[in-house]
Amino acid sequence: MKKLTSILVFAFIFSAILPGVALALGQMSEPINIANAMRGQKLNQEIIAVNNENKEVKVEFSATGDIKDWTNFYKPGDLKNAITEDTAGANSSLNIIAIFDIPSDVPNGEYTGAISIAKLPDEQTSNEESFVAVTQKIDRQVTITVSDEENISLAVSVIPETYDLTPNQPLKIRIIYDNQSNISLTPSISFKIKKSEDDQTAYNVIYPYPEGVDPVNSRAQYEIPALEIPTAGLAEGKYYAQLEFTRGEDSLTQEQFGFSIGSAAASLGGGGLNLKTILIVLVIVFVIIAVVFVALDKMKKGK
């Protein structure tokens, strides 16, 4: 995912017109430019509203221009229920996902508009304050170019719960997709486990994209339910896992990692201590020893 490097802009224009009123709502200023968007696809875009006031404010989200009817807003943890407003905490930022739903019948071409955030007046504001609050509306320009050429780019984060398993302990793996394609994806996973020493395949299963789970939208990051791979029947030793992510017969990307079953690290304390834990313990022991030596040295000098 590309880093958000835009600077923040704030609405000061109306403070010149109405002195003494501080406008403290802002959003990312960098224009949103999406090339090669496909008809019938959904594209995710993060929107950040910044509240510099010492109190909560209600923020309204909207879209204008060609993209007005294509755009809906969602909380990051709920991409099913669209919203039009939310609350930004005092001196904090509010993250919202805008989803552009490209119509299936729109012609190729360039479409423009803007994403807007506006501060809503609270119930206790005066008429003058209410007018000023409504004027705190900040736009972020959007340009979407629609084409019929697929452009597929997928990155995957593969995160095992542990690399050291006890015998018969399942291998649990988090899968996080970062889809920079111009189409939605539902990758299948070809999962193989091989023995490190002889490259012999010990496990080979294809996991289709989970049923009932939404596709990974264009420009979106999405974590699917974790995989749980059984290891019953695998002998103790070192292994490596190979994951190939596919769309139909096409390979999108590959990842692999090593792990062990019944290793020395896993057997210590019944399957808890890994190398990181051991190093931390050694550092603590070293510090204790150093403190003791310093104390003894001071005692000798005191005599």
C-alpha atoms as a PDB file:
ATOM      1  CA  MET A   1       0.000   0.000   0.000  1.00  0.00           C
ATOM      2  CA  LYS A   2       1.384   3.369  -0.939  1.00  0.00           C
ATOM      3  CA  LYS A   3       2.302   5.680   1.899  1.00  0.00           C
ATOM      4  CA  LEU A   4       0.049   8.674   2.443  1.00  0.00           C
ATOM      5  CA  THR A   5       2.457  11.558   1.996  1.00  0.00           C
ATOM      6  CA  SER A   6       0.025  14.402   1.373  1.00  0.00           C
ATOM      7  CA  ILE A   7       0.079  17.469   3.571  1.00  0.00           C
ATOM      8  CA  LEU A   8      -3.005  18.467   5.582  1.00  0.00           C
ATOM      9  CA  VAL A   9      -5.029  21.501   4.567  1.00  0.00           C
ATOM     10  CA  PHE A  10      -7.296  23.501   6.840  1.00  0.00           C
ATOM     11  CA  ALA A  11     -10.109  25.921   6.078  1.00  0.00           C
ATOM     12  CA  PHE A  12      -9.026  29.424   7.034  1.00  0.00           C
ATOM     13  CA  ILE A  13     -10.936  31.414   4.382  1.00  0.00           C
ATOM     14  CA  PHE A  14     -13.968  32.125   6.541  1.00  0.00           C
ATOM     15  CA  SER A  15     -11.913  33.141   9.566  1.00  0.00           C
ATOM     16  CA  ALA A  16     -10.911  36.206   7.523  1.00  0.00           C
ATOM     17  CA  ILE A  17     -14.549  36.994   6.828  1.00  0.00           C
ATOM     18  CA  LEU A  18     -15.722  36.296  10.381  1.00  0.00           C
ATOM     19  CA  PRO A  19     -12.850  37.181  12.763  1.00  0.00           C
ATOM     20  CA  GLY A  20     -12.559  35.293  16.018  1.00  0.00           C
ATOM     21  CA  VAL A  21     -13.971  32.043  14.630  1.00  0.00           C
ATOM     22  CA  ALA A  22     -11.445  29.211  14.428  1.00  0.00           C
ATOM     23  CA  LEU A  23     -11.936  26.642  11.680  1.00  0.00           C
ATOM     24  CA  ALA A  24     -10.200  23.430  12.609  1.00  0.00           C
ATOM     25  CA  LEU A  25     -11.379  20.709  10.234  1.00  0.00           C
ATOM     26  CA  GLY A  26      -9.111  19.294   7.550  1.00  0.00           C
ATOM     27  CA  GLN A  27      -8.489  16.371   5.240  1.00  0.00           C
ATOM     28  CA  MET A  28      -5.725  15.019   3.018  1.00  0.00           C
ATOM     29  CA  SER A  29      -5.157  17.420   0.142  1.00  0.00           C
ATOM     30  CA  GLU A  30      -3.524  15.213  -2.498  1.00  0.00           C
ATOM     31  CA  PRO A  31      -5.909  14.645  -5.441  1.00  0.00           C
ATOM     32  CA  ILE A  32      -7.190  11.115  -5.971  1.00  0.00           C
ATOM     33  CA  ASN A  33      -6.167   9.938  -9.433  1.00  0.00           C
ATOM     34  CA  ILE A  34      -7.278   6.454 -10.472  1.00  0.00           C
ATOM     35  CA  ALA A  35      -6.159   5.201 -13.885  1.00  0.00           C
ATOM     36  CA  ASN A  36      -7.526   2.195 -15.776  1.00  0.00           C
ATOM     37  CA  ALA A  37     -10.603   1.645 -13.620  1.00  0.00           C
ATOM     38  CA  MET A  38     -12.712  -1.237 -14.924  1.00  0.00           C
ATOM     39  CA  ARG A  39     -16.441  -1.029 -15.484  1.00  0.00           C
ATOM     40  CA  GLY A  40     -18.485  -2.904 -12.899  1.00  0.00           C
ATOM     41  CA  GLN A  41     -15.676  -2.851 -10.322  1.00  0.00           C
ATOM     42  CA  LYS A  42     -15.450  -1.367  -6.826  1.00  0.00           C
ATOM     43  CA  LEU A  43     -12.467   0.717  -5.788  1.00  0.00           C
ATOM     44  CA  ASN A  44     -11.547   1.537  -2.188  1.00  0.00           C
ATOM     45  CA  GLN A  45     -10.026   4.845  -1.114  1.00  0.00           C
ATOM     46  CA  GLU A  46      -9.126   5.896   2.433  1.00  0.00           C
ATOM     47  CA  ILE A  47     -10.407   9.319   3.544  1.00  0.00           C
ATOM     48  CA  ILE A  48      -8.958  11.017   6.647  1.00  0.00           C
ATOM     49  CA  ALA A  49     -10.750  13.848   8.426  1.00  0.00           C
ATOM     50  CA  VAL A  50      -8.690  15.773  11.004  1.00  0.00           C
ATOM     51  CA  ASN A  51     -10.297  17.484  13.993  1.00  0.00           C
ATOM     52  CA  ASN A  52      -8.094  20.055  15.755  1.00  0.00           C
ATOM     53  CA  GLU A  53     -10.763  21.147  18.214  1.00  0.00           C
ATOM     54  CA  ASN A  54     -10.743  20.232  21.895  1.00  0.00           C
ATOM     55  CA  LYS A  55     -14.132  18.590  21.546  1.00  0.00           C
ATOM     56  CA  GLU A  56     -15.871  15.993  19.407  1.00  0.00           C
ATOM     57  CA  VAL A  57     -17.288  17.186  16.094  1.00  0.00           C
ATOM     58  CA  LYS A  58     -19.763  15.634  13.705  1.00  0.00           C
ATOM     59  CA  VAL A  59     -18.393  15.236  10.183  1.00  0.00           C
ATOM     60  CA  GLU A  60     -20.491  14.820   7.045  1.00  0.00           C
ATOM     61  CA  PHE A  61     -19.153  13.025   3.951  1.00  0.00           C
ATOM     62  CA  SER A  62     -20.360  13.592   0.405  1.00  0.00           C
ATOM     63  CA  ALA A  63     -19.316  13.402  -3.249  1.00  0.00           C
ATOM     64  CA  THR A  64     -19.951  15.739  -6.162  1.00  0.00           C
ATOM     65  CA  GLY A  65     -19.488  15.789  -9.923  1.00  0.00           C
ATOM     66  CA  ASP A  66     -19.418  12.757 -12.202  1.00  0.00           C
ATOM     67  CA  ILE A  67     -18.657  10.439  -9.283  1.00  0.00           C
ATOM     68  CA  LYS A  68     -21.539  11.571  -7.045  1.00  0.00           C
ATOM     69  CA  ASP A  69     -23.744   8.521  -7.667  1.00  0.00           C
ATOM     70  CA  TRP A  70     -20.769   6.132  -7.686  1.00  0.00           C
ATOM     71  CA  THR A  71     -19.584   6.940  -4.174  1.00  0.00           C
ATOM     72  CA  ASN A  72     -20.532   5.559  -0.764  1.00  0.00           C
ATOM     73  CA  PHE A  73     -18.772   5.920   2.581  1.00  0.00           C
ATOM     74  CA  TYR A  74     -18.107   3.243   5.197  1.00  0.00           C
ATOM     75  CA  LYS A  75     -16.403   2.722   8.531  1.00  0.00           C
ATOM     76  CA  PRO A  76     -13.224   0.630   8.043  1.00  0.00           C
ATOM     77  CA  GLY A  77     -14.598  -2.265  10.089  1.00  0.00           C
ATOM     78  CA  ASP A  78     -17.975  -2.358   8.333  1.00  0.00           C
ATOM     79  CA  LEU A  79     -18.005  -2.222   4.536  1.00  0.00           C
ATOM     80  CA  LYS A  80     -21.640  -3.326   4.257  1.00  0.00           C
ATOM     81  CA  ASN A  81     -23.496  -0.415   5.874  1.00  0.00           C
ATOM     82  CA  ALA A  82     -22.976   2.941   4.157  1.00  0.00           C
ATOM     83  CA  ILE A  83     -22.857   6.120   6.259  1.00  0.00           C
ATOM     84  CA  THR A  84     -23.087   9.837   5.503  1.00  0.00           C
ATOM     85  CA  GLU A  85     -21.663  11.177   8.775  1.00  0.00           C
ATOM     86  CA  ASP A  86     -19.566  10.162  11.758  1.00  0.00           C
ATOM     87  CA  THR A  87     -17.972  11.688  14.859  1.00  0.00           C
ATOM     88  CA  ALA A  88     -14.305  12.715  15.089  1.00  0.00           C
ATOM     89  CA  GLY A  89     -12.862  12.718  18.595  1.00  0.00           C
ATOM     90  CA  ALA A  90     -11.218  15.778  20.121  1.00  0.00           C
ATOM     91  CA  ASN A  91      -7.795  16.504  18.602  1.00  0.00           C
ATOM     92  CA  SER A  92      -7.833  13.319  16.565  1.00  0.00           C
ATOM     93  CA  SER A  93      -8.354  11.965  13.063  1.00  0.00           C
ATOM     94  CA  LEU A  94     -11.235   9.967  11.630  1.00  0.00           C
ATOM     95  CA  ASN A  95     -10.601   7.297   8.989  1.00  0.00           C
ATOM     96  CA  ILE A  96     -13.356   6.459   6.523  1.00  0.00           C
ATOM     97  CA  ILE A  97     -13.381   4.265   3.410  1.00  0.00           C
ATOM     98  CA  ALA A  98     -14.901   5.719   0.233  1.00  0.00           C
ATOM     99  CA  ILE A  99     -15.916   3.026  -2.262  1.00  0.00           C
ATOM    100  CA  PHE A 100     -16.330   4.022  -5.897  1.00  0.00           C
ATOM    101  CA  ASP A 101     -18.749   1.614  -7.612  1.00  0.00           C
ATOM    102  CA  ILE A 102     -18.038   2.015 -11.345  1.00  0.00           C
ATOM    103  CA  PRO A 103     -21.238   1.449 -13.391  1.00  0.00           C
ATOM    104  CA  SER A 104     -21.113  -1.533 -15.731  1.00  0.00           C
ATOM    105  CA  ASP A 105     -22.435   0.501 -18.669  1.00  0.00           C
ATOM    106  CA  VAL A 106     -20.300   3.651 -18.370  1.00  0.00           C
ATOM    107  CA  PRO A 107     -18.249   4.470 -21.498  1.00  0.00           C
ATOM    108  CA  ASN A 108     -14.449   4.599 -21.441  1.00  0.00           C
ATOM    109  CA  GLY A 109     -13.206   8.044 -20.513  1.00  0.00           C
ATOM    110  CA  GLU A 110     -12.206  10.421 -17.732  1.00  0.00           C
ATOM    111  CA  TYR A 111     -14.628  11.262 -14.935  1.00  0.00           C
ATOM    112  CA  THR A 112     -14.072  13.988 -12.359  1.00  0.00           C
ATOM    113  CA  GLY A 113     -15.578  15.141  -9.096  1.00  0.00           C
ATOM    114  CA  ALA A 114     -14.679  15.682  -5.457  1.00  0.00           C
ATOM    115  CA  ILE A 115     -14.855  14.030  -2.065  1.00  0.00           C
ATOM    116  CA  SER A 116     -16.069  16.520   0.544  1.00  0.00           C
ATOM    117  CA  ILE A 117     -15.999  16.625   4.317  1.00  0.00           C
ATOM    118  CA  ALA A 118     -18.016  19.182   6.278  1.00  0.00           C
ATOM    119  CA  LYS A 119     -18.352  19.970   9.961  1.00  0.00           C
ATOM    120  CA  LEU A 120     -21.954  19.716  11.138  1.00  0.00           C
ATOM    121  CA  PRO A 121     -23.132  22.213  13.767  1.00  0.00           C
ATOM    122  CA  ASP A 122     -23.985  20.777  17.171  1.00  0.00           C
ATOM    123  CA  GLU A 123     -27.286  21.414  18.887  1.00  0.00           C
ATOM    124  CA  GLN A 124     -25.927  24.209  21.094  1.00  0.00           C
ATOM    125  CA  THR A 125     -24.449  26.500  18.417  1.00  0.00           C
ATOM    126  CA  SER A 126     -25.887  29.929  17.749  1.00  0.00           C
ATOM    127  CA  ASN A 127     -27.195  30.951  14.324  1.00  0.00           C
ATOM    128  CA  GLU A 128     -23.913  32.689  13.449  1.00  0.00           C
ATOM    129  CA  GLU A 129     -21.810  29.751  14.667  1.00  0.00           C
ATOM    130  CA  SER A 130     -24.083  27.363  12.775  1.00  0.00           C
ATOM    131  CA  PHE A 131     -23.487  29.275   9.531  1.00  0.00           C
ATOM    132  CA  VAL A 132     -19.722  29.198  10.032  1.00  0.00           C
ATOM    133  CA  ALA A 133     -19.761  25.491  10.870  1.00  0.00           C
ATOM    134  CA  VAL A 134     -21.609  24.686   7.660  1.00  0.00           C
ATOM    135  CA  THR A 135     -19.009  26.621   5.653  1.00  0.00           C
ATOM    136  CA  GLN A 136     -16.251  24.347   6.963  1.00  0.00           C
ATOM    137  CA  LYS A 137     -16.421  22.136   3.903  1.00  0.00           C
ATOM    138  CA  ILE A 138     -13.209  20.879   2.347  1.00  0.00           C
ATOM    139  CA  ASP A 139     -12.973  19.164  -1.042  1.00  0.00           C
ATOM    140  CA  ARG A 140     -10.506  16.598  -2.357  1.00  0.00           C
ATOM    141  CA  GLN A 141     -10.444  16.373  -6.140  1.00  0.00           C
ATOM    142  CA  VAL A 142     -11.055  12.976  -7.772  1.00  0.00           C
ATOM    143  CA  THR A 143     -10.260  11.854 -11.307  1.00  0.00           C
ATOM    144  CA  ILE A 144     -11.188   8.322 -12.438  1.00  0.00           C
ATOM    145  CA  THR A 145     -10.238   7.072 -15.887  1.00  0.00           C
ATOM    146  CA  VAL A 146     -12.388   4.136 -17.012  1.00  0.00           C
ATOM    147  CA  SER A 147     -10.931   1.605 -19.456  1.00  0.00           C
ATOM    148  CA  ASP A 148     -11.421  -2.025 -20.462  1.00  0.00           C
ATOM    149  CA  GLU A 149      -7.823  -3.185 -19.907  1.00  0.00           C
ATOM    150  CA  GLU A 150      -7.167  -5.432 -16.895  1.00  0.00           C
ATOM    151  CA  ASN A 151      -4.146  -4.593 -14.768  1.00  0.00           C
ATOM    152  CA  ILE A 152      -3.494  -7.153 -12.014  1.00  0.00           C
ATOM    153  CA  SER A 153      -1.128  -6.511  -9.115  1.00  0.00           C
ATOM    154  CA  LEU A 154      -1.476  -8.407  -5.822  1.00  0.00           C
ATOM    155  CA  ALA A 155       0.725  -8.429  -2.723  1.00  0.00           C
ATOM    156  CA  VAL A 156       0.092 -10.808   0.164  1.00  0.00           C
ATOM    157  CA  SER A 157       1.211 -10.753   3.801  1.00  0.00           C
ATOM    158  CA  VAL A 158       1.519 -14.301   5.167  1.00  0.00           C
ATOM    159  CA  ILE A 159       1.758 -14.295   8.980  1.00  0.00           C
ATOM    160  CA  PRO A 160       2.110 -17.628  10.845  1.00  0.00           C
ATOM    161  CA  GLU A 161       0.967 -17.655  14.462  1.00  0.00           C
ATOM    162  CA  THR A 162       4.225 -19.462  15.339  1.00  0.00           C
ATOM    163  CA  TYR A 163       7.135 -21.008  13.466  1.00  0.00           C
ATOM    164  CA  ASP A 164       7.735 -23.707  16.108  1.00  0.00           C
ATOM    165  CA  LEU A 165       4.985 -26.281  16.549  1.00  0.00           C
ATOM    166  CA  THR A 166       4.575 -29.137  18.982  1.00  0.00           C
ATOM    167  CA  PRO A 167       3.567 -32.483  17.425  1.00  0.00           C
ATOM    168  CA  ASN A 168      -0.017 -32.431  16.080  1.00  0.00           C
ATOM    169  CA  GLN A 169      -0.340 -28.651  16.694  1.00  0.00           C
ATOM    170  CA  PRO A 170      -2.136 -27.057  13.700  1.00  0.00           C
ATOM    171  CA  LEU A 171      -0.333 -24.428  11.658  1.00  0.00           C
ATOM    172  CA  LYS A 172      -2.392 -21.216  11.852  1.00  0.00           C
ATOM    173  CA  ILE A 173      -1.735 -18.523   9.257  1.00  0.00           C
ATOM    174  CA  ARG A 174      -3.138 -15.027   8.741  1.00  0.00           C
ATOM    175  CA  ILE A 175      -3.570 -13.949   5.103  1.00  0.00           C
ATOM    176  CA  ILE A 176      -3.802 -10.222   4.305  1.00  0.00           C
ATOM    177  CA  TYR A 177      -4.329  -9.179   0.675  1.00  0.00           C
ATOM    178  CA  ASP A 178      -3.213  -5.846  -0.770  1.00  0.00           C
ATOM    179  CA  ASN A 179      -4.975  -5.556  -4.119  1.00  0.00           C
ATOM    180  CA  GLN A 180      -3.532  -2.828  -6.345  1.00  0.00           C
ATOM    181  CA  SER A 181      -5.282  -4.223  -9.420  1.00  0.00           C
ATOM    182  CA  ASN A 182      -8.038  -2.412 -11.271  1.00  0.00           C
ATOM    183  CA  ILE A 183     -10.397  -5.373 -10.668  1.00  0.00           C
ATOM    184  CA  SER A 184     -11.669  -7.187  -7.595  1.00  0.00           C
ATOM    185  CA  LEU A 185      -9.971 -10.480  -6.782  1.00  0.00           C
ATOM    186  CA  THR A 186     -10.938 -13.745  -5.071  1.00  0.00           C
ATOM    187  CA  PRO A 187      -7.632 -15.669  -5.067  1.00  0.00           C
ATOM    188  CA  SER A 188      -7.388 -19.378  -4.458  1.00  0.00           C
ATOM    189  CA  ILE A 189      -4.430 -20.675  -2.457  1.00  0.00           C
ATOM    190  CA  SER A 190      -2.365 -23.696  -3.469  1.00  0.00           C
ATOM    191  CA  PHE A 191      -0.755 -24.753  -0.179  1.00  0.00           C
ATOM    192  CA  LYS A 192       2.163 -27.190  -0.044  1.00  0.00           C
ATOM    193  CA  ILE A 193       4.320 -28.381   2.843  1.00  0.00           C
ATOM    194  CA  LYS A 194       7.700 -29.854   1.958  1.00  0.00           C
ATOM    195  CA  LYS A 195      10.462 -31.416   4.017  1.00  0.00           C
ATOM    196  CA  SER A 196      13.479 -29.147   3.946  1.00  0.00           C
ATOM    197  CA  GLU A 197      16.097 -31.853   3.541  1.00  0.00           C
ATOM    198  CA  ASP A 198      14.739 -33.797   0.568  1.00  0.00           C
ATOM    199  CA  ASP A 199      12.079 -31.493  -0.989  1.00  0.00           C
ATOM    200  CA  GLN A 200       9.488 -34.225  -0.523  1.00  0.00           C
ATOM    201  CA  THR A 201       5.906 -32.948  -0.567  1.00  0.00           C
ATOM    202  CA  ALA A 202       4.156 -33.865   2.681  1.00  0.00           C
ATOM    203  CA  TYR A 203       0.939 -31.838   2.187  1.00  0.00           C
ATOM    204  CA  ASN A 204      -0.742 -30.453  -0.918  1.00  0.00           C
ATOM    205  CA  VAL A 205      -4.195 -28.825  -0.810  1.00  0.00           C
ATOM    206  CA  ILE A 206      -5.940 -26.059  -2.780  1.00  0.00           C
ATOM    207  CA  TYR A 207      -8.010 -23.639  -0.695  1.00  0.00           C
ATOM    208  CA  PRO A 208     -10.638 -21.737  -2.732  1.00  0.00           C
ATOM    209  CA  TYR A 209     -11.576 -18.204  -1.747  1.00  0.00           C
ATOM    210  CA  PRO A 210     -13.867 -18.474   1.312  1.00  0.00           C
ATOM    211  CA  GLU A 211     -17.594 -18.654   0.575  1.00  0.00           C
ATOM    212  CA  GLY A 212     -19.654 -15.753   1.868  1.00  0.00           C
ATOM    213  CA  VAL A 213     -16.610 -13.453   2.077  1.00  0.00           C
ATOM    214  CA  ASP A 214     -16.608 -10.267  -0.016  1.00  0.00           C
ATOM    215  CA  PRO A 215     -14.039 -10.044  -2.828  1.00  0.00           C
ATOM    216  CA  VAL A 216     -10.925  -7.947  -2.303  1.00  0.00           C
ATOM    217  CA  ASN A 217     -11.855  -4.666  -3.973  1.00  0.00           C
ATOM    218  CA  SER A 218      -9.472  -2.747  -6.194  1.00  0.00           C
ATOM    219  CA  ARG A 219      -6.999  -0.620  -4.165  1.00  0.00           C
ATOM    220  CA  ALA A 220      -8.115  -2.382  -0.958  1.00  0.00           C
ATOM    221  CA  GLN A 221      -6.408  -4.295   1.838  1.00  0.00           C
ATOM    222  CA  TYR A 222      -8.409  -7.202   3.213  1.00  0.00           C
ATOM    223  CA  GLU A 223      -7.782 -10.040   5.666  1.00  0.00           C
ATOM    224  CA  ILE A 224      -9.621 -13.303   5.064  1.00  0.00           C
ATOM    225  CA  PRO A 225     -10.372 -15.837   7.825  1.00  0.00           C
ATOM    226  CA  ALA A 226      -7.133 -17.444   9.005  1.00  0.00           C
ATOM    227  CA  LEU A 227      -6.033 -20.743   7.515  1.00  0.00           C
ATOM    228  CA  GLU A 228      -5.628 -23.665   9.911  1.00  0.00           C
ATOM    229  CA  ILE A 229      -3.449 -26.405   8.442  1.00  0.00           C
ATOM    230  CA  PRO A 230      -3.474 -29.813  10.175  1.00  0.00           C
ATOM    231  CA  THR A 231      -0.041 -31.279  10.931  1.00  0.00           C
ATOM    232  CA  ALA A 232      -1.164 -34.650  12.338  1.00  0.00           C
ATOM    233  CA  GLY A 233       0.936 -37.339  10.738  1.00  0.00           C
ATOM    234  CA  LEU A 234       3.911 -35.081  10.046  1.00  0.00           C
ATOM    235  CA  ALA A 235       7.100 -36.318  11.695  1.00  0.00           C
ATOM    236  CA  GLU A 236       9.189 -34.036  13.883  1.00  0.00           C
ATOM    237  CA  GLY A 237      11.641 -31.968  11.900  1.00  0.00           C
ATOM    238  CA  LYS A 238      12.034 -28.908   9.721  1.00  0.00           C
ATOM    239  CA  TYR A 239       9.610 -28.010   6.936  1.00  0.00           C
ATOM    240  CA  TYR A 240       8.818 -25.157   4.636  1.00  0.00           C
ATOM    241  CA  ALA A 241       5.420 -24.019   3.401  1.00  0.00           C
ATOM    242  CA  GLN A 242       4.817 -22.856  -0.165  1.00  0.00           C
ATOM    243  CA  LEU A 243       1.758 -20.729  -0.961  1.00  0.00           C
ATOM    244  CA  GLU A 244       0.753 -19.875  -4.518  1.00  0.00           C
ATOM    245  CA  PHE A 245      -2.109 -17.429  -5.017  1.00  0.00           C
ATOM    246  CA  THR A 246      -4.024 -17.999  -8.237  1.00  0.00           C
ATOM    247  CA  ARG A 247      -6.883 -16.608 -10.330  1.00  0.00           C
ATOM    248  CA  GLY A 248      -8.185 -19.412 -12.472  1.00  0.00           C
ATOM    249  CA  GLU A 249      -5.087 -20.938 -14.024  1.00  0.00           C
ATOM    250  CA  ASP A 250      -3.019 -17.764 -13.651  1.00  0.00           C
ATOM    251  CA  SER A 251      -0.495 -17.421 -10.847  1.00  0.00           C
ATOM    252  CA  LEU A 252      -0.730 -14.025  -9.124  1.00  0.00           C
ATOM    253  CA  THR A 253       2.077 -14.277  -6.569  1.00  0.00           C
ATOM    254  CA  GLN A 254       3.918 -16.755  -4.327  1.00  0.00           C
ATOM    255  CA  GLU A 255       5.103 -16.754  -0.713  1.00  0.00           C
ATOM    256  CA  GLN A 256       6.935 -19.270   1.448  1.00  0.00           C
ATOM    257  CA  PHE A 257       8.301 -19.657   4.979  1.00  0.00           C
ATOM    258  CA  GLY A 258      10.053 -22.260   7.112  1.00  0.00           C
ATOM    259  CA  PHE A 259       8.765 -23.848  10.307  1.00  0.00           C
ATOM    260  CA  SER A 260       9.544 -26.803  12.556  1.00  0.00           C
ATOM    261  CA  ILE A 261       7.645 -29.485  14.419  1.00  0.00           C
ATOM    262  CA  GLY A 262       8.983 -30.760  17.742  1.00  0.00           C
ATOM    263  CA  SER A 263      12.063 -28.494  17.577  1.00  0.00           C
ATOM    264  CA  ALA A 264      14.202 -27.696  20.584  1.00  0.00           C
ATOM    265  CA  ALA A 265      12.711 -24.212  20.749  1.00  0.00           C
ATOM    266  CA  ALA A 266       9.172 -25.583  20.767  1.00  0.00           C
ATOM    267  CA  SER A 267       9.856 -28.333  23.294  1.00  0.00           C
ATOM    268  CA  LEU A 268      11.180 -25.954  25.938  1.00  0.00           C
ATOM    269  CA  GLY A 269       8.417 -25.424  28.461  1.00  0.00           C
ATOM    270  CA  GLY A 270       5.951 -27.506  26.454  1.00  0.00           C
ATOM    271  CA  GLY A 271       5.862 -25.383  23.305  1.00  0.00           C
ATOM    272  CA  GLY A 272       6.157 -21.831  24.305  1.00  0.00           C
ATOM    273  CA  LEU A 273       9.690 -20.467  24.081  1.00  0.00           C
ATOM    274  CA  ASN A 274      10.941 -19.269  20.741  1.00  0.00           C
ATOM    275  CA  LEU A 275      14.273 -17.668  19.877  1.00  0.00           C
ATOM    276  CA  LYS A 276      13.017 -14.155  20.613  1.00  0.00           C
ATOM    277  CA  THR A 277      11.844 -15.160  24.099  1.00  0.00           C
ATOM    278  CA  ILE A 278      15.159 -16.879  24.868  1.00  0.00           C
ATOM    279  CA  LEU A 279      17.112 -13.785  23.809  1.00  0.00           C
ATOM    280  CA  ILE A 280      14.961 -11.565  26.028  1.00  0.00           C
ATOM    281  CA  VAL A 281      15.564 -13.883  29.000  1.00  0.00           C
ATOM    282  CA  LEU A 282      19.323 -13.857  28.359  1.00  0.00           C
ATOM    283  CA  VAL A 283      19.372 -10.044  28.228  1.00  0.00           C
ATOM    284  CA  ILE A 284      17.484  -9.825  31.523  1.00  0.00           C
ATOM    285  CA  VAL A 285      19.906 -12.271  33.159  1.00  0.00           C
ATOM    286  CA  PHE A 286      22.882 -10.285  31.856  1.00  0.00           C
ATOM    287  CA  VAL A 287      21.460  -7.027  33.256  1.00  0.00           C
ATOM    288  CA  ILE A 288      20.876  -8.629  36.672  1.00  0.00           C
ATOM    289  CA  ILE A 289      24.438  -9.956  36.758  1.00  0.00           C
ATOM    290  CA  ALA A 290      25.802  -6.527  35.795  1.00  0.00           C
ATOM    291  CA  VAL A 291      23.780  -4.814  38.544  1.00  0.00           C
ATOM    292  CA  VAL A 292      25.065  -7.321  41.120  1.00  0.00           C
ATOM    293  CA  PHE A 293      28.693  -6.768  40.096  1.00  0.00           C
ATOM    294  CA  VAL A 294      28.279  -2.977  40.304  1.00  0.00           C
ATOM    295  CA  ALA A 295      26.735  -3.287  43.772  1.00  0.00           C
ATOM    296  CA  LEU A 296      29.533  -5.557  44.998  1.00  0.00           C
ATOM    297  CA  ASP A 297      32.145  -3.168  43.598  1.00  0.00           C
ATOM    298  CA  LYS A 298      30.556  -0.231  45.431  1.00  0.00           C
ATOM    299  CA  MET A 299      30.495  -2.244  48.663  1.00  0.00           C
ATOM    300  CA  LYS A 300      34.222  -3.022  48.345  1.00  0.00           C
ATOM    301  CA  LYS A 301      35.075   0.609  47.709  1.00  0.00           C
ATOM    302  CA  GLY A 302      32.962   1.643  50.702  1.00  0.00           C
ATOM    303  CA  LYS A 303      35.057  -0.549  52.977  1.00  0.00           C
END
